[in-house]
Amino acid sequence: MSGQRVKVTIPASTANLGPGFDALGMAFQLYSVVEMEISERTTVELVGKELEGIPKDKSNLLYQVAADLFAEAGLAVPELAIRASSDAPLTRGLGSSAAAIVGALVAANQLAGEPFTRDELFAKATAMEGHPDNVGASMFGGIIVATMPEKAGEPVPYVRFSPPAGLQTLVVIPDFMLETQKARNVLPQVYSKEDVVYNVGHSSLLVAALAQGRLDLMGRAMSDRLHQPYRAKLVPGLKEILDNATEHGAVGAALSGAGPTILCFFSGAEEERQLRAFVDSVMKGHGITYRVMILQPDENGVQVEIHQR
């Protein structure tokens, strides 16, 4: 095994898509790369400004995840040379921790002789992340509908399907970070029956609309009462964009994961032009600097290249 260098490419992801809280995920053509090989001593090389400030020793998440996999496989934990880069910004709601977990698991599994199946790796990633939506999208690509297993150690039930043809995403990334835990802490412990029923109906409609390519239903289906209204106070401009994006070219809009990134889905060049102007007016109105990406869905999920030394 020590003669192998494994290179893993992992798509970024978004979770929730509005009402599908901790259950719906979609992969984007925005990638992180993890390279890993067995070495005489552990080194962690991080490339690019998106990874600045991350530990470069054995406390690094990539090393920790890889070491756990070797141990669970009943193997001695080796020293590892790890190199990582990412085009996806951290703590912005684009699944950076999920991509790291998936990348480290898949790379280490390859070096260990593939003791675990891809579905078993998905279950491990879900247990580490605490929800299956981002890790599922990064692992398998496309759109993922999943739920937590009833008991620890059981397989994660999921369905994967391709996003509607022509669906594009205007991704609005504010120039501030929002820790996931902070965004979770603003959520209530108890919800009304009315709000729960509302979300069950809307998330069910959204999955059906996405599966059948009914972009005309997305705007209504993406409404949410479980997390976005509470997180709006942490993300200036979110409420205005969610309330009005469909009047400015979007087929639907949502907070990406825990935020602060906001997604506006669209399908044409004129709609993109309208959306850019609308988003700019909202963000400038709040004095928030931001950047925009236009992202397509990723259909491939995690990809592995093996180089023999």
Protein backbone atom coordinates (compact mmCIF):
# COMPACT_ATOMS: atom_id res chain seq x y z
CA MET A 1 0.00 0.00 0.00
CA SER A 2 2.82 2.42 0.79
CA GLY A 3 3.68 2.73 -2.90
CA GLN A 4 0.42 4.48 -3.66
CA ARG A 5 -0.38 8.16 -3.74
CA VAL A 6 -4.12 8.75 -3.80
CA LYS A 7 -5.67 11.92 -5.18
CA VAL A 8 -9.33 12.52 -4.33
CA THR A 9 -11.47 15.31 -5.81
CA ILE A 10 -14.59 16.20 -3.82
CA PRO A 11 -17.45 18.48 -4.87
CA ALA A 12 -18.75 21.21 -2.58
CA SER A 13 -22.39 20.95 -1.60
CA THR A 14 -25.41 22.76 -0.32
CA ALA A 15 -27.82 21.42 2.27
CA ASN A 16 -31.50 21.89 3.09
CA LEU A 17 -32.58 23.64 -0.14
CA GLY A 18 -35.10 25.52 2.00
CA PRO A 19 -37.51 23.16 3.76
CA GLY A 20 -35.47 19.92 3.59
CA PHE A 21 -33.68 20.60 6.88
CA ASP A 22 -30.84 18.08 7.41
CA ALA A 23 -32.34 15.85 4.69
CA LEU A 24 -31.72 17.36 1.22
CA GLY A 25 -28.34 18.03 -0.37
CA MET A 26 -26.97 18.93 -3.79
CA ALA A 27 -23.41 18.80 -5.13
CA PHE A 28 -21.77 21.69 -7.01
CA GLN A 29 -18.99 21.91 -9.58
CA LEU A 30 -16.70 23.57 -7.02
CA TYR A 31 -13.99 21.29 -5.75
CA SER A 32 -11.58 20.39 -2.98
CA VAL A 33 -8.64 18.06 -3.58
CA VAL A 34 -7.04 15.77 -1.00
CA GLU A 35 -3.83 13.89 -1.78
CA MET A 36 -2.61 11.26 0.65
CA GLU A 37 0.16 8.68 0.90
CA ILE A 38 1.82 6.62 3.60
CA SER A 39 5.06 8.26 4.71
CA GLU A 40 7.88 8.06 7.25
CA ARG A 41 6.47 11.07 9.09
CA THR A 42 3.18 12.93 9.04
CA THR A 43 3.08 16.18 7.08
CA VAL A 44 0.09 18.34 6.18
CA GLU A 45 0.43 20.79 3.30
CA LEU A 46 -2.44 23.22 2.76
CA VAL A 47 -2.60 25.11 -0.53
CA GLY A 48 -4.57 28.31 -1.16
CA LYS A 49 -6.05 31.17 0.84
CA GLU A 50 -9.29 29.29 1.60
CA LEU A 51 -7.35 26.94 3.93
CA GLU A 52 -5.36 29.56 5.82
CA GLY A 53 -5.33 29.10 9.58
CA ILE A 54 -6.10 25.37 9.57
CA PRO A 55 -3.81 23.08 11.68
CA LYS A 56 -0.90 21.44 9.87
CA ASP A 57 -0.20 18.71 12.42
CA LYS A 58 -2.01 15.56 13.58
CA SER A 59 -4.87 17.66 14.96
CA ASN A 60 -5.87 18.37 11.34
CA LEU A 61 -9.32 16.98 10.52
CA LEU A 62 -8.03 15.13 7.44
CA TYR A 63 -5.44 13.25 9.48
CA GLN A 64 -7.87 12.53 12.32
CA VAL A 65 -10.49 11.08 9.96
CA ALA A 66 -7.90 8.99 8.11
CA ALA A 67 -6.37 7.67 11.35
CA ASP A 68 -9.82 6.65 12.62
CA LEU A 69 -10.47 4.69 9.42
CA PHE A 70 -7.21 2.72 9.69
CA ALA A 71 -7.96 1.94 13.33
CA GLU A 72 -11.53 0.82 12.55
CA ALA A 73 -10.16 -1.44 9.82
CA GLY A 74 -7.94 -3.12 12.42
CA LEU A 75 -4.76 -1.72 10.89
CA ALA A 76 -1.85 0.12 12.44
CA VAL A 77 -2.29 3.85 11.99
CA PRO A 78 0.49 4.98 9.63
CA GLU A 79 2.28 8.27 9.25
CA LEU A 80 0.68 10.16 6.36
CA ALA A 81 1.76 12.83 3.90
CA ILE A 82 -1.35 14.89 3.18
CA ARG A 83 -1.79 17.72 0.71
CA ALA A 84 -5.08 19.61 0.43
CA SER A 85 -6.50 22.48 -1.57
CA SER A 86 -9.99 23.94 -1.87
CA ASP A 87 -11.81 26.32 -4.17
CA ALA A 88 -14.74 26.36 -1.71
CA PRO A 89 -14.66 28.95 1.10
CA LEU A 90 -14.79 27.65 4.68
CA THR A 91 -17.66 28.23 7.13
CA ARG A 92 -19.86 29.79 4.46
CA GLY A 93 -22.45 27.02 4.11
CA LEU A 94 -20.92 25.16 1.15
CA GLY A 95 -20.09 21.89 2.92
CA SER A 96 -16.36 22.43 3.51
CA SER A 97 -16.19 20.13 6.55
CA ALA A 98 -18.27 17.48 4.77
CA ALA A 99 -15.93 17.58 1.76
CA ALA A 100 -12.91 17.21 4.05
CA ILE A 101 -14.46 14.23 5.84
CA VAL A 102 -15.48 12.52 2.59
CA GLY A 103 -12.09 13.19 1.00
CA ALA A 104 -10.12 11.85 3.96
CA LEU A 105 -12.31 8.74 4.29
CA VAL A 106 -12.12 7.85 0.60
CA ALA A 107 -8.36 8.48 0.37
CA ALA A 108 -7.55 6.54 3.54
CA ASN A 109 -9.85 3.69 2.51
CA GLN A 110 -7.94 3.38 -0.76
CA LEU A 111 -4.59 3.32 1.04
CA ALA A 112 -5.94 0.72 3.48
CA GLY A 113 -6.91 -1.66 0.66
CA GLU A 114 -10.59 -0.67 0.50
CA PRO A 115 -11.87 -2.46 3.62
CA PHE A 116 -15.10 -0.41 3.51
CA THR A 117 -17.72 0.01 0.76
CA ARG A 118 -18.76 3.46 -0.45
CA ASP A 119 -22.07 3.14 1.45
CA GLU A 120 -20.16 2.24 4.63
CA LEU A 121 -17.97 5.30 4.15
CA PHE A 122 -21.14 7.38 3.72
CA ALA A 123 -22.44 6.04 7.04
CA LYS A 124 -19.14 6.93 8.75
CA ALA A 125 -19.17 10.42 7.23
CA THR A 126 -22.78 10.95 8.33
CA ALA A 127 -21.95 9.92 11.90
CA MET A 128 -19.01 12.34 11.97
CA GLU A 129 -20.91 15.25 10.41
CA GLY A 130 -24.14 14.63 12.34
CA HIS A 131 -26.41 14.84 9.26
CA PRO A 132 -26.33 13.09 5.86
CA ASP A 133 -27.15 15.88 3.39
CA ASN A 134 -23.76 17.51 2.66
CA VAL A 135 -21.67 14.35 2.94
CA GLY A 136 -24.14 12.45 0.75
CA ALA A 137 -23.98 15.08 -1.97
CA SER A 138 -20.17 15.19 -1.85
CA MET A 139 -19.94 11.38 -1.87
CA PHE A 140 -22.43 10.59 -4.65
CA GLY A 141 -23.03 13.86 -6.55
CA GLY A 142 -26.39 15.07 -7.84
CA ILE A 143 -29.25 15.57 -5.39
CA ILE A 144 -29.41 13.45 -2.24
CA VAL A 145 -32.47 12.78 -0.09
CA ALA A 146 -31.44 11.05 3.13
CA THR A 147 -32.29 10.63 6.77
CA MET A 148 -30.36 9.57 9.85
CA PRO A 149 -30.43 5.82 10.61
CA GLU A 150 -32.65 4.69 13.49
CA LYS A 151 -29.69 3.07 15.28
CA ALA A 152 -25.98 3.85 15.31
CA GLY A 153 -24.03 1.65 12.93
CA GLU A 154 -26.93 1.02 10.58
CA PRO A 155 -26.76 2.01 6.89
CA VAL A 156 -27.94 5.52 6.02
CA PRO A 157 -31.11 5.32 3.89
CA TYR A 158 -30.83 7.59 0.86
CA VAL A 159 -31.97 8.22 -2.69
CA ARG A 160 -29.78 9.97 -5.25
CA PHE A 161 -31.10 11.50 -8.47
CA SER A 162 -29.91 13.93 -11.14
CA PRO A 163 -30.76 17.64 -10.86
CA PRO A 164 -33.18 19.09 -13.43
CA ALA A 165 -31.61 19.89 -16.79
CA GLY A 166 -30.58 23.52 -17.16
CA LEU A 167 -30.70 24.34 -13.44
CA GLN A 168 -28.03 26.88 -12.49
CA THR A 169 -27.25 28.57 -9.21
CA LEU A 170 -26.25 32.13 -8.45
CA VAL A 171 -24.29 31.69 -5.24
CA VAL A 172 -24.05 34.80 -3.06
CA ILE A 173 -21.13 34.54 -0.62
CA PRO A 174 -21.02 37.36 1.96
CA ASP A 175 -17.59 38.42 3.22
CA PHE A 176 -18.15 37.14 6.74
CA MET A 177 -18.05 33.71 8.34
CA LEU A 178 -20.91 32.09 10.24
CA GLU A 179 -20.07 29.13 12.45
CA THR A 180 -22.54 26.28 12.00
CA GLN A 181 -22.96 25.92 15.76
CA LYS A 182 -23.94 29.59 16.11
CA ALA A 183 -26.49 29.19 13.31
CA ARG A 184 -27.90 26.09 15.02
CA ASN A 185 -28.07 27.77 18.41
CA VAL A 186 -30.63 30.33 17.20
CA LEU A 187 -33.13 27.57 16.34
CA PRO A 188 -35.95 26.77 18.76
CA GLN A 189 -36.12 23.45 20.63
CA VAL A 190 -39.84 23.06 19.96
CA TYR A 191 -41.93 23.82 16.85
CA SER A 192 -45.67 24.19 16.40
CA LYS A 193 -47.61 21.42 14.66
CA GLU A 194 -48.58 23.98 12.01
CA ASP A 195 -44.95 24.76 11.14
CA VAL A 196 -43.96 21.08 11.08
CA VAL A 197 -46.83 20.19 8.75
CA TYR A 198 -45.92 23.18 6.57
CA ASN A 199 -42.36 21.93 6.15
CA VAL A 200 -43.34 18.31 5.56
CA GLY A 201 -45.60 19.44 2.73
CA HIS A 202 -43.11 21.83 1.19
CA SER A 203 -40.09 19.52 1.38
CA SER A 204 -42.15 16.67 -0.12
CA LEU A 205 -43.30 18.91 -2.96
CA LEU A 206 -39.73 20.14 -3.51
CA VAL A 207 -38.31 16.63 -3.87
CA ALA A 208 -41.06 15.70 -6.34
CA ALA A 209 -40.56 18.94 -8.30
CA LEU A 210 -36.78 18.42 -8.51
CA ALA A 211 -37.19 14.77 -9.52
CA GLN A 212 -39.61 15.66 -12.32
CA GLY A 213 -37.89 18.85 -13.47
CA ARG A 214 -40.81 21.07 -12.41
CA LEU A 215 -38.86 24.29 -12.01
CA ASP A 216 -42.19 26.17 -12.02
CA LEU A 217 -42.98 24.71 -8.59
CA MET A 218 -39.61 25.35 -6.94
CA GLY A 219 -40.32 28.89 -5.77
CA ARG A 220 -43.34 27.84 -3.71
CA ALA A 221 -41.86 24.48 -2.66
CA MET A 222 -38.68 26.03 -1.21
CA SER A 223 -40.50 27.97 1.52
CA ASP A 224 -39.39 27.01 5.04
CA ARG A 225 -40.48 27.67 8.61
CA LEU A 226 -37.99 25.56 10.59
CA HIS A 227 -34.65 27.33 10.20
CA GLN A 228 -34.47 30.19 7.67
CA PRO A 229 -36.75 32.63 9.54
CA TYR A 230 -34.60 32.24 12.68
CA ARG A 231 -31.28 32.51 10.85
CA ALA A 232 -32.33 35.61 8.90
CA LYS A 233 -31.20 37.85 11.77
CA LEU A 234 -27.67 36.45 11.38
CA VAL A 235 -27.58 36.99 7.59
CA PRO A 236 -28.37 40.56 6.45
CA GLY A 237 -30.30 40.57 3.19
CA LEU A 238 -31.51 36.98 3.48
CA LYS A 239 -35.16 37.78 4.15
CA GLU A 240 -35.41 40.22 1.22
CA ILE A 241 -33.80 37.75 -1.17
CA LEU A 242 -35.96 34.81 -0.03
CA ASP A 243 -39.12 36.92 -0.24
CA ASN A 244 -38.45 38.58 -3.61
CA ALA A 245 -35.94 36.58 -5.69
CA THR A 246 -38.65 34.86 -7.75
CA GLU A 247 -39.83 38.30 -8.91
CA HIS A 248 -36.33 39.00 -10.25
CA GLY A 249 -35.57 35.92 -12.36
CA ALA A 250 -35.11 33.14 -9.79
CA VAL A 251 -37.05 29.87 -9.85
CA GLY A 252 -36.32 29.57 -6.12
CA ALA A 253 -33.99 30.76 -3.36
CA ALA A 254 -32.61 29.37 -0.11
CA LEU A 255 -29.98 29.79 2.56
CA SER A 256 -27.13 27.37 1.81
CA GLY A 257 -26.79 25.06 4.79
CA ALA A 258 -26.34 27.11 7.94
CA GLY A 259 -25.29 30.15 5.89
CA PRO A 260 -24.30 32.85 5.34
CA THR A 261 -24.19 31.89 1.63
CA ILE A 262 -27.48 32.43 -0.21
CA LEU A 263 -28.55 30.46 -3.30
CA CYS A 264 -30.73 31.75 -6.12
CA PHE A 265 -31.65 29.09 -8.69
CA PHE A 266 -32.29 30.13 -12.29
CA SER A 267 -32.22 28.72 -15.81
CA GLY A 268 -31.39 31.47 -18.35
CA ALA A 269 -29.02 34.34 -19.18
CA GLU A 270 -31.64 37.09 -18.85
CA GLU A 271 -32.72 35.69 -15.47
CA GLU A 272 -29.08 35.73 -14.34
CA ARG A 273 -28.75 39.40 -15.30
CA GLN A 274 -31.91 40.32 -13.36
CA LEU A 275 -30.80 38.33 -10.33
CA ARG A 276 -27.34 39.88 -10.22
CA ALA A 277 -28.81 43.39 -10.23
CA PHE A 278 -31.41 42.48 -7.58
CA VAL A 279 -28.88 40.81 -5.25
CA ASP A 280 -26.48 43.71 -5.62
CA SER A 281 -29.14 46.23 -4.60
CA VAL A 282 -30.10 44.16 -1.54
CA MET A 283 -26.55 43.56 -0.33
CA LYS A 284 -25.48 47.17 -0.92
CA GLY A 285 -28.57 48.27 1.00
CA HIS A 286 -27.22 46.36 4.01
CA GLY A 287 -23.63 47.51 3.49
CA ILE A 288 -22.47 43.90 3.01
CA THR A 289 -19.56 43.13 0.67
CA TYR A 290 -19.89 39.81 -1.11
CA ARG A 291 -18.83 37.76 -4.11
CA VAL A 292 -20.92 35.83 -6.61
CA MET A 293 -20.30 32.47 -8.25
CA ILE A 294 -22.41 30.81 -10.93
CA LEU A 295 -22.33 27.09 -10.19
CA GLN A 296 -23.65 24.06 -12.04
CA PRO A 297 -24.66 20.86 -10.23
CA ASP A 298 -21.99 18.15 -9.98
CA GLU A 299 -23.17 14.72 -11.16
CA ASN A 300 -20.09 12.64 -10.34
CA GLY A 301 -19.50 12.88 -6.61
CA VAL A 302 -16.08 12.03 -5.19
CA GLN A 303 -13.47 10.98 -7.77
CA VAL A 304 -10.33 8.93 -7.10
CA GLU A 305 -7.00 8.84 -8.94
CA ILE A 306 -4.29 6.37 -7.93
CA HIS A 307 -0.63 7.03 -8.70
CA GLN A 308 1.91 4.27 -8.16
CA ARG A 309 5.22 5.39 -6.73
